[in-house]
N, C-alpha and C. Protein backbone atom coordinates (compact mmCIF):
# COMPACT_ATOMS: atom_id res chain seq x y z
N MET A 1 -1.94 1.15 -8.03
CA MET A 1 -1.34 2.00 -7.70
C MET A 1 -0.23 1.88 -8.59
N PHE A 2 0.61 3.36 -9.66
CA PHE A 2 1.43 3.06 -9.80
C PHE A 2 1.80 2.61 -11.02
N PRO A 3 1.07 2.94 -11.83
CA PRO A 3 1.24 1.69 -13.49
C PRO A 3 2.36 1.47 -13.66
N GLU A 4 3.17 2.67 -13.89
CA GLU A 4 3.93 3.66 -14.50
C GLU A 4 5.53 2.73 -13.90
N TYR A 5 5.13 1.93 -12.82
CA TYR A 5 5.91 1.37 -11.99
C TYR A 5 6.21 -0.22 -12.37
N ARG A 6 5.10 -0.41 -12.57
CA ARG A 6 4.62 -2.36 -12.45
C ARG A 6 6.06 -3.24 -12.81
N ASP A 7 6.48 -3.28 -14.11
CA ASP A 7 7.33 -3.91 -13.99
C ASP A 7 8.06 -4.35 -12.52
N LEU A 8 8.90 -2.55 -11.73
CA LEU A 8 9.54 -3.04 -10.81
C LEU A 8 8.71 -3.46 -9.47
N ILE A 9 8.19 -2.72 -9.04
CA ILE A 9 6.92 -3.68 -8.60
C ILE A 9 7.04 -5.53 -8.54
N THR A 10 6.89 -5.50 -9.34
CA THR A 10 6.47 -7.25 -9.23
C THR A 10 8.50 -7.78 -8.93
N GLN A 11 9.54 -7.08 -9.07
CA GLN A 11 10.87 -6.93 -8.93
C GLN A 11 10.76 -7.24 -7.01
N LEU A 12 10.50 -6.12 -7.33
CA LEU A 12 11.14 -5.50 -5.57
C LEU A 12 10.30 -6.50 -4.69
N LYS A 13 8.72 -6.89 -4.73
CA LYS A 13 7.98 -8.20 -4.54
C LYS A 13 8.78 -9.20 -4.21
N THR A 14 9.73 -9.08 -4.80
CA THR A 14 10.04 -10.76 -4.98
C THR A 14 12.03 -10.56 -4.09
N SER A 15 12.45 -9.37 -4.22
CA SER A 15 13.51 -9.15 -4.17
C SER A 15 13.90 -8.78 -2.64
N ASP A 16 13.15 -7.80 -2.51
CA ASP A 16 13.09 -6.94 -1.50
C ASP A 16 12.03 -6.97 -0.32
N HIS A 17 12.56 -7.90 0.86
CA HIS A 17 11.23 -8.03 1.82
C HIS A 17 10.80 -7.37 2.15
N HIS A 18 11.10 -6.07 2.77
CA HIS A 18 10.91 -4.79 3.70
C HIS A 18 9.58 -4.09 2.66
N PHE A 19 10.40 -4.48 1.21
CA PHE A 19 8.43 -3.73 0.25
C PHE A 19 7.90 -4.56 0.24
N GLY A 20 8.23 -6.05 0.24
CA GLY A 20 7.18 -6.74 -0.12
C GLY A 20 5.85 -6.82 0.68
N ARG A 21 6.00 -6.74 1.88
CA ARG A 21 5.29 -6.98 3.40
C ARG A 21 5.05 -5.72 3.65
N LEU A 22 5.14 -4.44 2.99
CA LEU A 22 4.33 -2.94 3.12
C LEU A 22 3.85 -2.68 1.94
N PHE A 23 4.50 -3.45 1.00
CA PHE A 23 2.96 -4.00 -0.49
C PHE A 23 1.50 -4.34 0.29
N ASP A 24 1.68 -5.55 0.58
CA ASP A 24 0.92 -6.68 1.20
C ASP A 24 0.59 -5.81 2.80
N GLN A 25 0.90 -5.16 3.55
CA GLN A 25 0.33 -4.38 4.33
C GLN A 25 -0.69 -3.00 3.60
N HIS A 26 -0.48 -2.61 2.10
CA HIS A 26 -1.25 -1.58 1.95
C HIS A 26 -2.43 -2.18 1.18
N ASN A 27 -2.00 -3.85 0.41
CA ASN A 27 -3.69 -4.46 -0.03
C ASN A 27 -4.12 -4.67 0.89
N SER A 28 -3.67 -5.07 1.79
CA SER A 28 -4.95 -6.28 3.70
C SER A 28 -5.44 -4.34 3.67
N LEU A 29 -4.70 -3.07 3.52
CA LEU A 29 -5.55 -2.44 4.36
C LEU A 29 -6.78 -1.10 3.35
N ASP A 30 -5.73 -1.95 2.53
CA ASP A 30 -7.77 -1.25 1.49
C ASP A 30 -8.49 -2.30 1.31
N GLN A 31 -8.32 -3.49 0.67
CA GLN A 31 -9.53 -4.54 1.22
C GLN A 31 -10.46 -4.56 2.66
N LYS A 32 -9.83 -4.17 3.84
CA LYS A 32 -10.08 -3.81 4.40
C LYS A 32 -11.03 -2.28 4.55
N ILE A 33 -10.82 -1.24 4.20
CA ILE A 33 -11.07 -0.07 4.36
C ILE A 33 -13.30 -0.12 3.23
N LYS A 34 -12.50 -0.83 2.02
CA LYS A 34 -13.31 -1.08 0.95
C LYS A 34 -14.52 -2.18 2.05
N ASN A 35 -13.67 -2.94 2.68
CA ASN A 35 -15.44 -4.08 3.38
C ASN A 35 -16.52 -2.65 4.46
N MET A 36 -15.04 -1.95 4.88
CA MET A 36 -15.87 -1.67 6.11
C MET A 36 -17.00 -0.24 4.94
N GLU A 37 -16.19 0.12 3.62
CA GLU A 37 -17.28 1.31 2.96
C GLU A 37 -18.48 -0.09 2.47
N ALA A 38 -18.49 -1.05 2.77
CA ALA A 38 -19.21 -1.52 1.66
C ALA A 38 -20.68 -1.56 3.39
N ARG A 39 -19.79 -1.68 4.24
CA ARG A 39 -20.68 -2.41 5.20
C ARG A 39 -20.39 -4.49 4.94
N ILE A 40 -20.02 -4.67 4.86
CA ILE A 40 -19.83 -5.71 5.21
C ILE A 40 -18.78 -6.66 5.98
N GLU A 41 -17.92 -5.19 6.95
CA GLU A 41 -17.32 -5.43 8.22
C GLU A 41 -17.48 -3.82 8.73
N THR A 42 -17.49 -4.16 10.11
CA THR A 42 -18.13 -3.15 10.52
C THR A 42 -16.46 -2.12 11.12
N GLY A 43 -17.80 -0.88 11.27
CA GLY A 43 -15.97 -0.15 11.10
C GLY A 43 -17.14 1.77 11.12
N THR A 44 -16.72 2.35 12.06
CA THR A 44 -17.02 3.76 12.25
C THR A 44 -16.53 4.62 10.75
N HIS A 45 -16.82 5.95 10.74
CA HIS A 45 -16.53 6.39 9.62
C HIS A 45 -15.01 7.11 10.46
N GLU A 46 -14.68 7.32 11.53
CA GLU A 46 -13.59 7.72 12.25
C GLU A 46 -12.40 7.03 11.49
N ALA A 47 -12.80 5.47 12.07
CA ALA A 47 -11.64 3.62 12.01
C ALA A 47 -11.37 4.15 10.54
N ILE A 48 -12.26 3.82 9.95
CA ILE A 48 -12.59 3.81 8.15
C ILE A 48 -11.87 5.52 7.82
N GLU A 49 -11.34 6.34 8.26
CA GLU A 49 -10.10 8.15 8.14
C GLU A 49 -9.04 7.64 8.89
N ALA A 50 -9.13 6.76 9.68
CA ALA A 50 -7.33 6.54 10.48
C ALA A 50 -7.32 5.08 9.26
N LEU A 51 -7.89 4.50 8.80
CA LEU A 51 -7.19 3.45 7.98
C LEU A 51 -6.68 3.92 7.09
N LYS A 52 -7.68 4.99 6.25
CA LYS A 52 -6.94 5.70 5.52
C LYS A 52 -5.51 6.73 5.27
N LYS A 53 -5.41 6.88 6.26
CA LYS A 53 -4.23 7.48 6.30
C LYS A 53 -3.19 6.92 7.10
N GLU A 54 -3.18 5.34 8.07
CA GLU A 54 -2.49 4.48 7.65
C GLU A 54 -1.58 4.08 6.23
N LYS A 55 -3.16 3.86 5.07
CA LYS A 55 -2.66 3.31 3.83
C LYS A 55 -2.09 4.11 3.64
N LEU A 56 -2.08 5.91 3.52
CA LEU A 56 -1.41 6.34 2.32
C LEU A 56 0.00 6.80 3.20
N LEU A 57 -0.12 6.29 4.66
CA LEU A 57 1.50 6.84 5.53
C LEU A 57 2.91 5.53 4.32
N LEU A 58 1.79 3.53 4.57
CA LEU A 58 2.32 2.65 3.44
C LEU A 58 2.63 3.74 2.37
N LYS A 59 1.37 4.00 1.90
CA LYS A 59 1.94 4.59 -0.24
C LYS A 59 2.67 5.03 -0.05
N ASP A 60 3.02 6.36 0.86
CA ASP A 60 3.74 6.86 0.57
C ASP A 60 5.53 6.75 0.65
N GLN A 61 5.44 4.88 1.68
CA GLN A 61 6.42 5.01 1.60
C GLN A 61 7.29 3.66 0.21
N LEU A 62 6.25 3.87 -0.28
CA LEU A 62 6.43 2.26 -1.30
C LEU A 62 6.55 3.46 -2.39
N TYR A 63 6.22 4.35 -2.55
CA TYR A 63 6.82 5.58 -3.22
C TYR A 63 8.34 5.87 -2.92
N GLY A 64 8.10 6.36 -2.35
CA GLY A 64 9.92 6.74 -2.07
C GLY A 64 11.12 5.57 -2.71
N ILE A 65 9.66 3.96 -1.83
CA ILE A 65 11.24 2.93 -2.42
C ILE A 65 11.76 2.67 -3.36
N LEU A 66 10.43 2.89 -4.88
CA LEU A 66 10.51 2.65 -6.14
C LEU A 66 11.29 4.18 -6.39
N ARG A 67 10.62 5.19 -5.41
CA ARG A 67 11.61 6.23 -6.85
C ARG A 67 13.24 5.52 -6.88
N LYS A 68 13.59 5.60 -5.33
CA LYS A 68 14.96 5.04 -5.46
C LYS A 68 15.64 4.26 -6.30
N ALA A 69 14.92 3.83 -6.15
CA ALA A 69 14.96 2.12 -6.91
C ALA A 69 15.09 1.96 -8.73
N SER A 70 14.15 2.98 -8.84
CA SER A 70 14.58 3.74 -9.99
C SER A 70 15.89 4.11 -10.60
N ASN A 71 15.60 5.02 -9.85
CA ASN A 71 17.03 6.16 -9.83
C ASN A 71 17.80 6.25 -9.00
N PRO A 72 18.55 5.36 -9.49
CA PRO A 72 20.17 5.07 -8.09
C PRO A 72 20.88 5.49 -8.11
N ALA A 73 21.22 6.28 -6.83
CA ALA A 73 22.19 7.35 -6.85
C ALA A 73 23.72 7.37 -6.92
């Protein structure tokens, strides 16, 4: 996710508690979705779609933080 911000992500994961928490939540949802799609965990199509929407919202928040941190006004 966001390879162009790899170094900044590493920095923010340790210096920004909010960013780190969002990043961990995103990764946790991503793994849960993969497990559900692979039928390792049970989940309906609707549940998977809801998790994907939640993950996308987290990704948007992370991207906003990355853009702001890379271009301080």
